[in-house]
Amino acid sequence: MTEAGFEAPPQVDLRTDQAHSARVYDYLLGGKTNFPADREVGDRVIADLPGAREGAAAARAVMHRMVRRLAEVHGVRQFLDVGTGIPTAPNLHEIVQSVDPSSRVVYVDNDPIVLAHSRALLTSTPEGRTAYVQGDLREPERFLADPAVAATLDLNEPVALTLINIVHFLSDEAAHPPVRKLLDALPVGSFLALTAGTADTAPDRVSIGARRYAEAGIEVHVRSHEGVERFFAGLELDDPGVVLINHWHPEPGGAASPADELVSVYGGVGRKV
């Protein structure tokens, strides 16, 4: 087992009295790493929006499909996952290392509770390597400079940057500059895999959900199809482009996809050329 960059988690204030987007998401997925403040928001969302749990599950499932395709079809062996969230099996490294055990993954998150559970993210194959870095998407220079990144990833070789369910918690002004900085730091042949919330399919429904999050102090910035495509400017989009995530390479013969209005998330994969 390789545990690059692991140290015993320091004593941190988990701020469990305040709802956090990652813990609300964990609750919607049926996880156990959440607290009353998170469950209160989650219960309000579920009460107002039947199918919210199915939408959360779809958002998790598309990450699995994206990274598997990046590993199997595009041959990517290095992954930088920013906004990792609370560990939920299978984790990203488990998927890509099932394709190639030598794959390497760096996880980045700013939620102290993810740090507290980071050992679950470090159970690499002997051939591969994983690391966890405490960091914030809004400050890419800081986490890119972390020694664990250089010890795990070769930034002269292609890397898949995965931003799953994170940019819709940031405005365009806050999200676009750091995403561009991260892409600029990666070599040609690297990829961006990104998902982002939208109100295109169900504006009234999404407005209610955003209001419930806002009441708990969590900003939500949904985007149009064009707004999500902006993140892929200058990249070569992988088939089928930016689409609702339930339409992004659905599993053949898998469980029925939820209706579009229950998903309200766009996703896509683009290659740096």
C-alpha atoms as a PDB file:
ATOM      1  CA  MET A   1       0.000   0.000   0.000  1.00  0.00           C
ATOM      2  CA  THR A   2       1.343   3.424  -0.932  1.00  0.00           C
ATOM      3  CA  GLU A   3       0.228   6.480   1.017  1.00  0.00           C
ATOM      4  CA  ALA A   4       2.103   9.384  -0.517  1.00  0.00           C
ATOM      5  CA  GLY A   5       1.922  12.593   1.423  1.00  0.00           C
ATOM      6  CA  PHE A   6       0.013  11.079   4.355  1.00  0.00           C
ATOM      7  CA  GLU A   7       0.434  12.440   7.816  1.00  0.00           C
ATOM      8  CA  ALA A   8      -1.832  11.948  10.789  1.00  0.00           C
ATOM      9  CA  PRO A   9      -4.627  14.521  10.438  1.00  0.00           C
ATOM     10  CA  PRO A  10      -4.076  17.507  12.729  1.00  0.00           C
ATOM     11  CA  GLN A  11      -6.706  18.668  15.148  1.00  0.00           C
ATOM     12  CA  VAL A  12      -9.103  20.746  13.075  1.00  0.00           C
ATOM     13  CA  ASP A  13     -12.384  22.513  13.637  1.00  0.00           C
ATOM     14  CA  LEU A  14     -14.893  20.585  11.513  1.00  0.00           C
ATOM     15  CA  ARG A  15     -17.528  23.341  11.913  1.00  0.00           C
ATOM     16  CA  THR A  16     -20.237  20.733  12.206  1.00  0.00           C
ATOM     17  CA  ASP A  17     -22.763  23.376  13.272  1.00  0.00           C
ATOM     18  CA  GLN A  18     -22.666  24.820   9.727  1.00  0.00           C
ATOM     19  CA  ALA A  19     -23.955  23.012   6.669  1.00  0.00           C
ATOM     20  CA  HIS A  20     -21.274  22.198   4.095  1.00  0.00           C
ATOM     21  CA  SER A  21     -21.984  21.358   0.455  1.00  0.00           C
ATOM     22  CA  ALA A  22     -19.844  18.195   0.545  1.00  0.00           C
ATOM     23  CA  ARG A  23     -21.662  16.859   3.612  1.00  0.00           C
ATOM     24  CA  VAL A  24     -25.102  17.718   2.224  1.00  0.00           C
ATOM     25  CA  TYR A  25     -24.106  15.803  -0.918  1.00  0.00           C
ATOM     26  CA  ASP A  26     -22.940  12.899   1.234  1.00  0.00           C
ATOM     27  CA  TYR A  27     -26.344  12.879   2.951  1.00  0.00           C
ATOM     28  CA  LEU A  28     -28.204  12.908  -0.373  1.00  0.00           C
ATOM     29  CA  LEU A  29     -26.073   9.935  -1.447  1.00  0.00           C
ATOM     30  CA  GLY A  30     -27.079   8.061   1.694  1.00  0.00           C
ATOM     31  CA  GLY A  31     -23.683   8.456   3.361  1.00  0.00           C
ATOM     32  CA  LYS A  32     -22.967   8.698   7.075  1.00  0.00           C
ATOM     33  CA  THR A  33     -20.416  11.533   7.198  1.00  0.00           C
ATOM     34  CA  ASN A  34     -22.867  14.353   7.824  1.00  0.00           C
ATOM     35  CA  PHE A  35     -24.301  16.261  10.765  1.00  0.00           C
ATOM     36  CA  PRO A  36     -27.645  17.779  11.813  1.00  0.00           C
ATOM     37  CA  ALA A  37     -26.998  21.064   9.974  1.00  0.00           C
ATOM     38  CA  ASP A  38     -26.283  19.142   6.761  1.00  0.00           C
ATOM     39  CA  ARG A  39     -29.253  16.826   7.169  1.00  0.00           C
ATOM     40  CA  GLU A  40     -31.548  19.790   7.784  1.00  0.00           C
ATOM     41  CA  VAL A  41     -30.625  21.276   4.410  1.00  0.00           C
ATOM     42  CA  GLY A  42     -30.812  17.875   2.743  1.00  0.00           C
ATOM     43  CA  ASP A  43     -34.241  17.156   4.178  1.00  0.00           C
ATOM     44  CA  ARG A  44     -35.563  20.511   2.968  1.00  0.00           C
ATOM     45  CA  VAL A  45     -34.224  19.829  -0.514  1.00  0.00           C
ATOM     46  CA  ILE A  46     -35.722  16.327  -0.563  1.00  0.00           C
ATOM     47  CA  ALA A  47     -39.079  17.600   0.690  1.00  0.00           C
ATOM     48  CA  ASP A  48     -39.231  20.330  -1.949  1.00  0.00           C
ATOM     49  CA  LEU A  49     -37.644  18.332  -4.741  1.00  0.00           C
ATOM     50  CA  PRO A  50     -38.633  14.671  -4.960  1.00  0.00           C
ATOM     51  CA  GLY A  51     -35.903  12.847  -6.855  1.00  0.00           C
ATOM     52  CA  ALA A  52     -33.057  14.868  -5.302  1.00  0.00           C
ATOM     53  CA  ARG A  53     -31.347  11.677  -4.178  1.00  0.00           C
ATOM     54  CA  GLU A  54     -31.530  10.244  -7.707  1.00  0.00           C
ATOM     55  CA  GLY A  55     -29.976  13.429  -9.039  1.00  0.00           C
ATOM     56  CA  ALA A  56     -27.103  13.192  -6.544  1.00  0.00           C
ATOM     57  CA  ALA A  57     -26.511   9.558  -7.477  1.00  0.00           C
ATOM     58  CA  ALA A  58     -26.404  10.496 -11.171  1.00  0.00           C
ATOM     59  CA  ALA A  59     -23.790  13.158 -10.424  1.00  0.00           C
ATOM     60  CA  ARG A  60     -21.604  10.598  -8.672  1.00  0.00           C
ATOM     61  CA  ALA A  61     -22.108   7.975 -11.378  1.00  0.00           C
ATOM     62  CA  VAL A  62     -20.976  10.254 -14.197  1.00  0.00           C
ATOM     63  CA  MET A  63     -17.648  10.792 -12.421  1.00  0.00           C
ATOM     64  CA  HIS A  64     -17.150   7.019 -12.473  1.00  0.00           C
ATOM     65  CA  ARG A  65     -17.891   6.893 -16.209  1.00  0.00           C
ATOM     66  CA  MET A  66     -15.720   9.888 -17.036  1.00  0.00           C
ATOM     67  CA  VAL A  67     -12.577   8.683 -15.295  1.00  0.00           C
ATOM     68  CA  ARG A  68     -13.012   5.126 -16.556  1.00  0.00           C
ATOM     69  CA  ARG A  69     -13.293   6.427 -20.132  1.00  0.00           C
ATOM     70  CA  LEU A  70     -10.265   8.679 -19.611  1.00  0.00           C
ATOM     71  CA  ALA A  71      -8.258   5.665 -18.445  1.00  0.00           C
ATOM     72  CA  GLU A  72      -9.598   3.045 -20.873  1.00  0.00           C
ATOM     73  CA  VAL A  73     -10.128   5.038 -24.074  1.00  0.00           C
ATOM     74  CA  HIS A  74      -7.684   7.927 -23.738  1.00  0.00           C
ATOM     75  CA  GLY A  75      -4.956   6.139 -21.796  1.00  0.00           C
ATOM     76  CA  VAL A  76      -4.693   8.713 -19.008  1.00  0.00           C
ATOM     77  CA  ARG A  77      -2.682   7.467 -16.052  1.00  0.00           C
ATOM     78  CA  GLN A  78      -2.516  10.639 -13.911  1.00  0.00           C
ATOM     79  CA  PHE A  79      -5.451  12.399 -12.269  1.00  0.00           C
ATOM     80  CA  LEU A  80      -5.768  15.642 -10.297  1.00  0.00           C
ATOM     81  CA  ASP A  81      -9.148  15.657  -8.542  1.00  0.00           C
ATOM     82  CA  VAL A  82     -10.027  19.066  -7.081  1.00  0.00           C
ATOM     83  CA  GLY A  83     -13.055  19.268  -4.804  1.00  0.00           C
ATOM     84  CA  THR A  84     -12.799  15.595  -3.942  1.00  0.00           C
ATOM     85  CA  GLY A  85     -15.528  15.497  -1.340  1.00  0.00           C
ATOM     86  CA  ILE A  86     -16.083  12.879   1.324  1.00  0.00           C
ATOM     87  CA  PRO A  87     -14.728   9.456   0.333  1.00  0.00           C
ATOM     88  CA  THR A  88     -17.452   7.288  -1.220  1.00  0.00           C
ATOM     89  CA  ALA A  89     -16.538   3.851  -2.590  1.00  0.00           C
ATOM     90  CA  PRO A  90     -15.539   3.336  -5.249  1.00  0.00           C
ATOM     91  CA  ASN A  91     -13.240   6.323  -5.110  1.00  0.00           C
ATOM     92  CA  LEU A  92     -11.614   7.735  -8.232  1.00  0.00           C
ATOM     93  CA  HIS A  93      -8.303   5.941  -7.703  1.00  0.00           C
ATOM     94  CA  GLU A  94     -10.056   2.599  -7.303  1.00  0.00           C
ATOM     95  CA  ILE A  95     -11.704   3.020 -10.699  1.00  0.00           C
ATOM     96  CA  VAL A  96      -8.633   4.127 -12.654  1.00  0.00           C
ATOM     97  CA  GLN A  97      -6.312   1.664 -10.920  1.00  0.00           C
ATOM     98  CA  SER A  98      -8.688  -1.139 -11.867  1.00  0.00           C
ATOM     99  CA  VAL A  99      -7.865  -0.172 -15.476  1.00  0.00           C
ATOM    100  CA  ASP A 100      -4.133   0.257 -14.850  1.00  0.00           C
ATOM    101  CA  PRO A 101      -2.739  -0.390 -11.358  1.00  0.00           C
ATOM    102  CA  SER A 102       0.119   2.051 -12.001  1.00  0.00           C
ATOM    103  CA  SER A 103      -2.239   5.044 -12.217  1.00  0.00           C
ATOM    104  CA  ARG A 104      -1.497   8.017  -9.960  1.00  0.00           C
ATOM    105  CA  VAL A 105      -4.022  10.301  -8.285  1.00  0.00           C
ATOM    106  CA  VAL A 106      -3.822  13.510  -6.257  1.00  0.00           C
ATOM    107  CA  TYR A 107      -6.956  14.491  -4.342  1.00  0.00           C
ATOM    108  CA  VAL A 108      -7.526  18.123  -3.286  1.00  0.00           C
ATOM    109  CA  ASP A 109     -10.233  19.503  -0.990  1.00  0.00           C
ATOM    110  CA  ASN A 110     -10.675  22.368   1.476  1.00  0.00           C
ATOM    111  CA  ASP A 111     -13.204  20.687   3.771  1.00  0.00           C
ATOM    112  CA  PRO A 112     -11.468  19.706   7.032  1.00  0.00           C
ATOM    113  CA  ILE A 113     -13.691  16.648   7.357  1.00  0.00           C
ATOM    114  CA  VAL A 114     -12.271  15.290   4.093  1.00  0.00           C
ATOM    115  CA  LEU A 115      -8.822  15.636   5.644  1.00  0.00           C
ATOM    116  CA  ALA A 116     -10.071  13.679   8.644  1.00  0.00           C
ATOM    117  CA  HIS A 117     -11.115  10.856   6.288  1.00  0.00           C
ATOM    118  CA  SER A 118      -8.183  11.187   3.895  1.00  0.00           C
ATOM    119  CA  ARG A 119      -6.688   7.775   4.720  1.00  0.00           C
ATOM    120  CA  ALA A 120      -9.584   6.226   2.748  1.00  0.00           C
ATOM    121  CA  LEU A 121      -8.316   8.134  -0.294  1.00  0.00           C
ATOM    122  CA  LEU A 122      -4.787   6.783   0.022  1.00  0.00           C
ATOM    123  CA  THR A 123      -5.306   3.032  -0.333  1.00  0.00           C
ATOM    124  CA  SER A 124      -3.375   2.780  -3.581  1.00  0.00           C
ATOM    125  CA  THR A 125      -2.254  -0.309  -5.425  1.00  0.00           C
ATOM    126  CA  PRO A 126       1.418  -1.132  -4.858  1.00  0.00           C
ATOM    127  CA  GLU A 127       2.167  -0.145  -8.456  1.00  0.00           C
ATOM    128  CA  GLY A 128       0.356   3.190  -8.275  1.00  0.00           C
ATOM    129  CA  ARG A 129       0.363   6.170  -5.982  1.00  0.00           C
ATOM    130  CA  THR A 130      -2.199   8.418  -4.300  1.00  0.00           C
ATOM    131  CA  ALA A 131      -1.876  11.613  -2.280  1.00  0.00           C
ATOM    132  CA  TYR A 132      -4.232  13.978  -0.501  1.00  0.00           C
ATOM    133  CA  VAL A 133      -3.575  17.731  -0.376  1.00  0.00           C
ATOM    134  CA  GLN A 134      -5.538  20.248   1.636  1.00  0.00           C
ATOM    135  CA  GLY A 135      -6.335  23.019  -0.840  1.00  0.00           C
ATOM    136  CA  ASP A 136      -8.913  25.273  -2.424  1.00  0.00           C
ATOM    137  CA  LEU A 137      -9.813  25.544  -6.126  1.00  0.00           C
ATOM    138  CA  ARG A 138      -9.667  29.325  -5.777  1.00  0.00           C
ATOM    139  CA  GLU A 139      -5.965  29.132  -4.877  1.00  0.00           C
ATOM    140  CA  PRO A 140      -4.418  26.674  -7.365  1.00  0.00           C
ATOM    141  CA  GLU A 141      -0.898  28.028  -6.966  1.00  0.00           C
ATOM    142  CA  ARG A 142      -0.856  26.976  -3.323  1.00  0.00           C
ATOM    143  CA  PHE A 143      -1.812  23.344  -3.767  1.00  0.00           C
ATOM    144  CA  LEU A 144       0.174  22.893  -6.986  1.00  0.00           C
ATOM    145  CA  ALA A 145       3.250  23.879  -4.974  1.00  0.00           C
ATOM    146  CA  ASP A 146       2.613  21.177  -2.384  1.00  0.00           C
ATOM    147  CA  PRO A 147       5.482  18.633  -2.429  1.00  0.00           C
ATOM    148  CA  ALA A 148       2.962  15.778  -2.512  1.00  0.00           C
ATOM    149  CA  VAL A 149       1.841  16.873  -5.976  1.00  0.00           C
ATOM    150  CA  ALA A 150       5.365  16.717  -7.423  1.00  0.00           C
ATOM    151  CA  ALA A 151       5.977  13.421  -5.633  1.00  0.00           C
ATOM    152  CA  THR A 152       2.877  11.869  -7.201  1.00  0.00           C
ATOM    153  CA  LEU A 153       2.330  13.452 -10.622  1.00  0.00           C
ATOM    154  CA  ASP A 154       4.715  14.123 -13.497  1.00  0.00           C
ATOM    155  CA  LEU A 155       3.432  17.418 -14.874  1.00  0.00           C
ATOM    156  CA  ASN A 156       5.393  16.852 -18.075  1.00  0.00           C
ATOM    157  CA  GLU A 157       2.993  14.035 -18.931  1.00  0.00           C
ATOM    158  CA  PRO A 158      -0.788  14.270 -19.539  1.00  0.00           C
ATOM    159  CA  VAL A 159      -2.984  14.712 -16.480  1.00  0.00           C
ATOM    160  CA  ALA A 160      -6.766  14.579 -16.215  1.00  0.00           C
ATOM    161  CA  LEU A 161      -8.071  17.496 -14.132  1.00  0.00           C
ATOM    162  CA  THR A 162     -11.420  16.487 -12.648  1.00  0.00           C
ATOM    163  CA  LEU A 163     -13.788  19.168 -11.331  1.00  0.00           C
ATOM    164  CA  ILE A 164     -16.935  17.296 -10.402  1.00  0.00           C
ATOM    165  CA  ASN A 165     -19.819  19.205  -8.794  1.00  0.00           C
ATOM    166  CA  ILE A 166     -17.660  22.077  -7.619  1.00  0.00           C
ATOM    167  CA  VAL A 167     -17.821  25.061 -10.008  1.00  0.00           C
ATOM    168  CA  HIS A 168     -21.529  25.623  -9.354  1.00  0.00           C
ATOM    169  CA  PHE A 169     -20.554  26.775  -5.861  1.00  0.00           C
ATOM    170  CA  LEU A 170     -18.481  29.591  -7.399  1.00  0.00           C
ATOM    171  CA  SER A 171     -19.380  32.567  -9.565  1.00  0.00           C
ATOM    172  CA  ASP A 172     -17.861  32.903 -13.041  1.00  0.00           C
ATOM    173  CA  GLU A 173     -15.473  35.524 -11.662  1.00  0.00           C
ATOM    174  CA  ALA A 174     -14.281  33.132  -8.968  1.00  0.00           C
ATOM    175  CA  ALA A 175     -14.249  29.916 -11.031  1.00  0.00           C
ATOM    176  CA  HIS A 176     -12.828  30.687 -14.475  1.00  0.00           C
ATOM    177  CA  PRO A 177      -9.409  32.159 -13.521  1.00  0.00           C
ATOM    178  CA  PRO A 178      -8.299  29.219 -11.327  1.00  0.00           C
ATOM    179  CA  VAL A 179      -9.604  26.631 -13.812  1.00  0.00           C
ATOM    180  CA  ARG A 180      -7.590  28.338 -16.551  1.00  0.00           C
ATOM    181  CA  LYS A 181      -4.503  28.493 -14.322  1.00  0.00           C
ATOM    182  CA  LEU A 182      -4.760  24.776 -13.657  1.00  0.00           C
ATOM    183  CA  LEU A 183      -5.112  23.975 -17.348  1.00  0.00           C
ATOM    184  CA  ASP A 184      -2.173  26.244 -18.149  1.00  0.00           C
ATOM    185  CA  ALA A 185      -0.062  24.287 -15.646  1.00  0.00           C
ATOM    186  CA  LEU A 186      -0.798  20.986 -17.399  1.00  0.00           C
ATOM    187  CA  PRO A 187       0.879  19.799 -20.614  1.00  0.00           C
ATOM    188  CA  VAL A 188      -0.714  19.357 -24.030  1.00  0.00           C
ATOM    189  CA  GLY A 189      -2.661  16.095 -24.113  1.00  0.00           C
ATOM    190  CA  SER A 190      -4.142  16.697 -20.662  1.00  0.00           C
ATOM    191  CA  PHE A 191      -7.888  16.614 -20.081  1.00  0.00           C
ATOM    192  CA  LEU A 192     -10.559  18.524 -18.193  1.00  0.00           C
ATOM    193  CA  ALA A 193     -13.555  16.567 -16.866  1.00  0.00           C
ATOM    194  CA  LEU A 194     -16.152  18.946 -15.412  1.00  0.00           C
ATOM    195  CA  THR A 195     -19.768  18.920 -14.258  1.00  0.00           C
ATOM    196  CA  ALA A 196     -21.851  21.972 -13.356  1.00  0.00           C
ATOM    197  CA  GLY A 197     -25.416  22.640 -12.294  1.00  0.00           C
ATOM    198  CA  THR A 198     -27.943  24.183 -14.653  1.00  0.00           C
ATOM    199  CA  ALA A 199     -31.497  25.507 -14.547  1.00  0.00           C
ATOM    200  CA  ASP A 200     -32.056  24.877 -18.255  1.00  0.00           C
ATOM    201  CA  THR A 201     -34.225  21.800 -17.798  1.00  0.00           C
ATOM    202  CA  ALA A 202     -36.222  22.746 -14.699  1.00  0.00           C
ATOM    203  CA  PRO A 203     -35.785  26.427 -13.727  1.00  0.00           C
ATOM    204  CA  ASP A 204     -38.447  26.500 -11.006  1.00  0.00           C
ATOM    205  CA  ARG A 205     -37.183  23.300  -9.422  1.00  0.00           C
ATOM    206  CA  VAL A 206     -33.552  24.413  -9.452  1.00  0.00           C
ATOM    207  CA  SER A 207     -34.472  27.842  -8.071  1.00  0.00           C
ATOM    208  CA  ILE A 208     -36.084  26.194  -5.048  1.00  0.00           C
ATOM    209  CA  GLY A 209     -33.043  23.994  -4.455  1.00  0.00           C
ATOM    210  CA  ALA A 210     -30.654  26.947  -4.758  1.00  0.00           C
ATOM    211  CA  ARG A 211     -32.766  28.886  -2.269  1.00  0.00           C
ATOM    212  CA  ARG A 212     -32.555  26.059   0.280  1.00  0.00           C
ATOM    213  CA  TYR A 213     -28.767  26.026  -0.021  1.00  0.00           C
ATOM    214  CA  ALA A 214     -28.601  29.832   0.195  1.00  0.00           C
ATOM    215  CA  GLU A 215     -30.625  29.761   3.424  1.00  0.00           C
ATOM    216  CA  ALA A 216     -27.811  27.656   4.886  1.00  0.00           C
ATOM    217  CA  GLY A 217     -25.135  30.067   3.650  1.00  0.00           C
ATOM    218  CA  ILE A 218     -24.099  27.980   0.617  1.00  0.00           C
ATOM    219  CA  GLU A 219     -23.953  29.916  -2.648  1.00  0.00           C
ATOM    220  CA  VAL A 220     -25.113  28.153  -5.817  1.00  0.00           C
ATOM    221  CA  HIS A 221     -24.401  29.532  -9.294  1.00  0.00           C
ATOM    222  CA  VAL A 222     -26.189  27.559 -12.005  1.00  0.00           C
ATOM    223  CA  ARG A 223     -25.200  28.011 -15.645  1.00  0.00           C
ATOM    224  CA  SER A 224     -26.690  27.690 -19.090  1.00  0.00           C
ATOM    225  CA  HIS A 225     -25.359  25.162 -21.588  1.00  0.00           C
ATOM    226  CA  GLU A 226     -23.274  27.946 -23.132  1.00  0.00           C
ATOM    227  CA  GLY A 227     -22.030  28.956 -19.689  1.00  0.00           C
ATOM    228  CA  VAL A 228     -20.758  25.450 -18.974  1.00  0.00           C
ATOM    229  CA  GLU A 229     -19.171  25.166 -22.427  1.00  0.00           C
ATOM    230  CA  ARG A 230     -17.086  28.269 -21.601  1.00  0.00           C
ATOM    231  CA  PHE A 231     -14.962  26.155 -19.251  1.00  0.00           C
ATOM    232  CA  PHE A 232     -13.878  24.105 -22.275  1.00  0.00           C
ATOM    233  CA  ALA A 233     -12.818  27.085 -24.410  1.00  0.00           C
ATOM    234  CA  GLY A 234      -9.749  26.122 -26.440  1.00  0.00           C
ATOM    235  CA  LEU A 235     -10.124  22.426 -25.646  1.00  0.00           C
ATOM    236  CA  GLU A 236     -11.081  19.629 -28.007  1.00  0.00           C
ATOM    237  CA  LEU A 237     -14.363  18.246 -26.683  1.00  0.00           C
ATOM    238  CA  ASP A 238     -14.708  14.493 -26.354  1.00  0.00           C
ATOM    239  CA  ASP A 239     -17.852  12.875 -27.744  1.00  0.00           C
ATOM    240  CA  PRO A 240     -20.708  13.713 -27.083  1.00  0.00           C
ATOM    241  CA  GLY A 241     -19.679  17.223 -26.007  1.00  0.00           C
ATOM    242  CA  VAL A 242     -21.277  19.078 -23.104  1.00  0.00           C
ATOM    243  CA  VAL A 243     -24.563  17.324 -22.331  1.00  0.00           C
ATOM    244  CA  LEU A 244     -26.795  16.551 -19.371  1.00  0.00           C
ATOM    245  CA  ILE A 245     -24.869  14.014 -17.345  1.00  0.00           C
ATOM    246  CA  ASN A 246     -27.483  11.270 -17.696  1.00  0.00           C
ATOM    247  CA  HIS A 247     -26.768  11.404 -21.454  1.00  0.00           C
ATOM    248  CA  TRP A 248     -22.967  11.299 -21.102  1.00  0.00           C
ATOM    249  CA  HIS A 249     -21.976   7.750 -22.123  1.00  0.00           C
ATOM    250  CA  PRO A 250     -24.699   5.975 -20.086  1.00  0.00           C
ATOM    251  CA  GLU A 251     -23.821   2.422 -19.120  1.00  0.00           C
ATOM    252  CA  PRO A 252     -25.150  -0.045 -21.723  1.00  0.00           C
ATOM    253  CA  GLY A 253     -27.784  -2.194 -20.078  1.00  0.00           C
ATOM    254  CA  GLY A 254     -27.399  -0.282 -16.822  1.00  0.00           C
ATOM    255  CA  ALA A 255     -30.105   1.070 -14.561  1.00  0.00           C
ATOM    256  CA  ALA A 256     -32.589   3.437 -16.168  1.00  0.00           C
ATOM    257  CA  SER A 257     -31.311   7.021 -16.219  1.00  0.00           C
ATOM    258  CA  PRO A 258     -33.272   9.587 -14.204  1.00  0.00           C
ATOM    259  CA  ALA A 259     -35.363  12.121 -16.077  1.00  0.00           C
ATOM    260  CA  ASP A 260     -33.576  15.270 -17.254  1.00  0.00           C
ATOM    261  CA  GLU A 261     -35.422  17.532 -14.811  1.00  0.00           C
ATOM    262  CA  LEU A 262     -34.142  15.441 -11.892  1.00  0.00           C
ATOM    263  CA  VAL A 263     -30.542  15.803 -13.016  1.00  0.00           C
ATOM    264  CA  SER A 264     -30.081  19.487 -13.957  1.00  0.00           C
ATOM    265  CA  VAL A 265     -26.319  19.059 -14.345  1.00  0.00           C
ATOM    266  CA  TYR A 266     -24.204  19.376 -17.489  1.00  0.00           C
ATOM    267  CA  GLY A 267     -20.936  17.570 -17.938  1.00  0.00           C
ATOM    268  CA  GLY A 268     -18.193  17.139 -20.471  1.00  0.00           C
ATOM    269  CA  VAL A 269     -14.594  16.112 -21.106  1.00  0.00           C
ATOM    270  CA  GLY A 270     -12.136  18.158 -23.166  1.00  0.00           C
ATOM    271  CA  ARG A 271      -8.541  17.616 -24.284  1.00  0.00           C
ATOM    272  CA  LYS A 272      -5.841  20.291 -24.243  1.00  0.00           C
ATOM    273  CA  VAL A 273      -4.376  20.624 -27.737  1.00  0.00           C
END
